[in-house]
């Protein structure tokens, strides 16, 4: 499955520049690309120092945020959020 994320062309197409790869780094880090797309991104990261630095930074930030988000929401808040989600779901299905 190739992710073009609204571009109209798959990864690995001609004329891609670093800005395209930098946008895709998040999908790469989150394992949301298929193996062919991952290979294209890995190849670019092997050849482009600035993109590799950005990748390392994004991965580090994601790791720090994940470690910092270990707290659970209070039960009262969780209940209110779930209720709000259900209300929105009902409105959507009734529309």
C-alpha atoms as a PDB file:
ATOM      1  CA  UNK A   1       0.000   0.000   0.000  1.00  0.00           C
ATOM      2  CA  UNK A   2       1.604   3.234  -1.118  1.00  0.00           C
ATOM      3  CA  UNK A   3       0.873   6.386   0.849  1.00  0.00           C
ATOM      4  CA  UNK A   4       0.855   9.535  -1.251  1.00  0.00           C
ATOM      5  CA  UNK A   5      -0.831  11.628   1.477  1.00  0.00           C
ATOM      6  CA  UNK A   6      -2.729  13.825  -0.944  1.00  0.00           C
ATOM      7  CA  UNK A   7       0.065  14.294  -3.448  1.00  0.00           C
ATOM      8  CA  UNK A   8      -1.385  12.232  -6.289  1.00  0.00           C
ATOM      9  CA  UNK A   9       1.865  10.344  -6.768  1.00  0.00           C
ATOM     10  CA  UNK A  10       3.398   7.449  -4.839  1.00  0.00           C
ATOM     11  CA  UNK A  11       6.620   7.574  -2.895  1.00  0.00           C
ATOM     12  CA  UNK A  12       9.693   7.208  -5.037  1.00  0.00           C
ATOM     13  CA  UNK A  13       8.342   9.309  -7.890  1.00  0.00           C
ATOM     14  CA  UNK A  14      10.667  11.578  -9.837  1.00  0.00           C
ATOM     15  CA  UNK A  15      11.391  15.095  -8.658  1.00  0.00           C
ATOM     16  CA  UNK A  16      10.940  14.444  -4.963  1.00  0.00           C
ATOM     17  CA  UNK A  17      12.875  16.831  -2.763  1.00  0.00           C
ATOM     18  CA  UNK A  18      13.782  16.884   0.905  1.00  0.00           C
ATOM     19  CA  UNK A  19      10.553  18.657   1.890  1.00  0.00           C
ATOM     20  CA  UNK A  20       8.588  15.655   0.635  1.00  0.00           C
ATOM     21  CA  UNK A  21      10.750  13.268   2.637  1.00  0.00           C
ATOM     22  CA  UNK A  22      10.622  15.395   5.768  1.00  0.00           C
ATOM     23  CA  UNK A  23       6.836  15.233   5.687  1.00  0.00           C
ATOM     24  CA  UNK A  24       6.957  11.443   5.298  1.00  0.00           C
ATOM     25  CA  UNK A  25       9.352  10.904   8.192  1.00  0.00           C
ATOM     26  CA  UNK A  26       6.449  10.891  10.656  1.00  0.00           C
ATOM     27  CA  UNK A  27       4.706   8.116   8.713  1.00  0.00           C
ATOM     28  CA  UNK A  28       8.002   6.230   8.509  1.00  0.00           C
ATOM     29  CA  UNK A  29       8.597   6.509  12.267  1.00  0.00           C
ATOM     30  CA  UNK A  30       5.043   5.332  12.976  1.00  0.00           C
ATOM     31  CA  UNK A  31       5.447   2.319  10.633  1.00  0.00           C
ATOM     32  CA  UNK A  32       2.597   3.580   8.453  1.00  0.00           C
ATOM     33  CA  UNK A  33       4.379   2.999   5.139  1.00  0.00           C
ATOM     34  CA  UNK A  34       4.607  -0.256   3.241  1.00  0.00           C
ATOM     35  CA  UNK A  35       7.998  -1.911   2.814  1.00  0.00           C
ATOM     36  CA  UNK A  36       8.634  -0.464  -0.655  1.00  0.00           C
ATOM     37  CA  UNK A  37       7.975   3.065   0.598  1.00  0.00           C
ATOM     38  CA  UNK A  38      10.124   2.448   3.682  1.00  0.00           C
ATOM     39  CA  UNK A  39      12.985   1.383   1.419  1.00  0.00           C
ATOM     40  CA  UNK A  40      12.720   4.622  -0.553  1.00  0.00           C
ATOM     41  CA  UNK A  41      12.756   6.708   2.633  1.00  0.00           C
ATOM     42  CA  UNK A  42      15.651   4.684   4.117  1.00  0.00           C
ATOM     43  CA  UNK A  43      17.667   5.168   0.932  1.00  0.00           C
ATOM     44  CA  UNK A  44      17.093   8.925   1.068  1.00  0.00           C
ATOM     45  CA  UNK A  45      18.044   9.055   4.760  1.00  0.00           C
ATOM     46  CA  UNK A  46      21.251   7.145   3.964  1.00  0.00           C
ATOM     47  CA  UNK A  47      22.162   9.774   1.378  1.00  0.00           C
ATOM     48  CA  UNK A  48      20.944  12.992   3.016  1.00  0.00           C
ATOM     49  CA  UNK A  49      22.519  14.159   6.274  1.00  0.00           C
ATOM     50  CA  UNK A  50      20.041  16.993   6.986  1.00  0.00           C
ATOM     51  CA  UNK A  51      17.044  14.677   6.562  1.00  0.00           C
ATOM     52  CA  UNK A  52      18.716  12.052   8.757  1.00  0.00           C
ATOM     53  CA  UNK A  53      19.186  14.678  11.471  1.00  0.00           C
ATOM     54  CA  UNK A  54      15.515  15.664  11.209  1.00  0.00           C
ATOM     55  CA  UNK A  55      14.543  11.978  11.409  1.00  0.00           C
ATOM     56  CA  UNK A  56      16.665  11.524  14.548  1.00  0.00           C
ATOM     57  CA  UNK A  57      15.104  14.629  16.119  1.00  0.00           C
ATOM     58  CA  UNK A  58      11.542  13.534  15.310  1.00  0.00           C
ATOM     59  CA  UNK A  59      12.191  10.050  16.672  1.00  0.00           C
ATOM     60  CA  UNK A  60      13.701  11.471  19.869  1.00  0.00           C
ATOM     61  CA  UNK A  61      10.805  13.891  20.413  1.00  0.00           C
ATOM     62  CA  UNK A  62       8.273  11.125  19.838  1.00  0.00           C
ATOM     63  CA  UNK A  63      10.088   8.908  22.345  1.00  0.00           C
ATOM     64  CA  UNK A  64      10.227  11.656  24.991  1.00  0.00           C
ATOM     65  CA  UNK A  65       6.540  12.468  24.530  1.00  0.00           C
ATOM     66  CA  UNK A  66       5.615   8.780  24.787  1.00  0.00           C
ATOM     67  CA  UNK A  67       7.546   8.444  28.055  1.00  0.00           C
ATOM     68  CA  UNK A  68       5.929  11.610  29.406  1.00  0.00           C
ATOM     69  CA  UNK A  69       2.399  10.466  28.629  1.00  0.00           C
ATOM     70  CA  UNK A  70       2.261   7.524  30.989  1.00  0.00           C
ATOM     71  CA  UNK A  71      -0.352   9.081  33.263  1.00  0.00           C
ATOM     72  CA  UNK A  72      -3.933   7.912  32.949  1.00  0.00           C
ATOM     73  CA  UNK A  73      -6.785  10.395  32.771  1.00  0.00           C
ATOM     74  CA  UNK A  74      -9.017  10.584  35.859  1.00  0.00           C
ATOM     75  CA  UNK A  75     -12.080   8.327  35.631  1.00  0.00           C
ATOM     76  CA  UNK A  76     -14.454  11.312  35.669  1.00  0.00           C
ATOM     77  CA  UNK A  77     -12.687  12.905  32.685  1.00  0.00           C
ATOM     78  CA  UNK A  78     -12.602   9.611  30.782  1.00  0.00           C
ATOM     79  CA  UNK A  79     -16.348   9.171  31.352  1.00  0.00           C
ATOM     80  CA  UNK A  80     -17.120  12.700  30.129  1.00  0.00           C
ATOM     81  CA  UNK A  81     -14.983  12.267  27.010  1.00  0.00           C
ATOM     82  CA  UNK A  82     -16.563   8.904  26.187  1.00  0.00           C
ATOM     83  CA  UNK A  83     -20.029  10.412  26.644  1.00  0.00           C
ATOM     84  CA  UNK A  84     -19.145  13.278  24.304  1.00  0.00           C
ATOM     85  CA  UNK A  85     -17.850  10.834  21.707  1.00  0.00           C
ATOM     86  CA  UNK A  86     -21.060   8.807  21.897  1.00  0.00           C
ATOM     87  CA  UNK A  87     -23.164  11.970  21.517  1.00  0.00           C
ATOM     88  CA  UNK A  88     -21.244  12.946  18.392  1.00  0.00           C
ATOM     89  CA  UNK A  89     -21.589   9.420  16.988  1.00  0.00           C
ATOM     90  CA  UNK A  90     -25.351   9.548  17.531  1.00  0.00           C
ATOM     91  CA  UNK A  91     -25.591  12.940  15.796  1.00  0.00           C
ATOM     92  CA  UNK A  92     -23.573  11.644  12.853  1.00  0.00           C
ATOM     93  CA  UNK A  93     -25.680   8.515  12.423  1.00  0.00           C
ATOM     94  CA  UNK A  94     -28.907  10.541  12.667  1.00  0.00           C
ATOM     95  CA  UNK A  95     -27.781  13.044  10.031  1.00  0.00           C
END
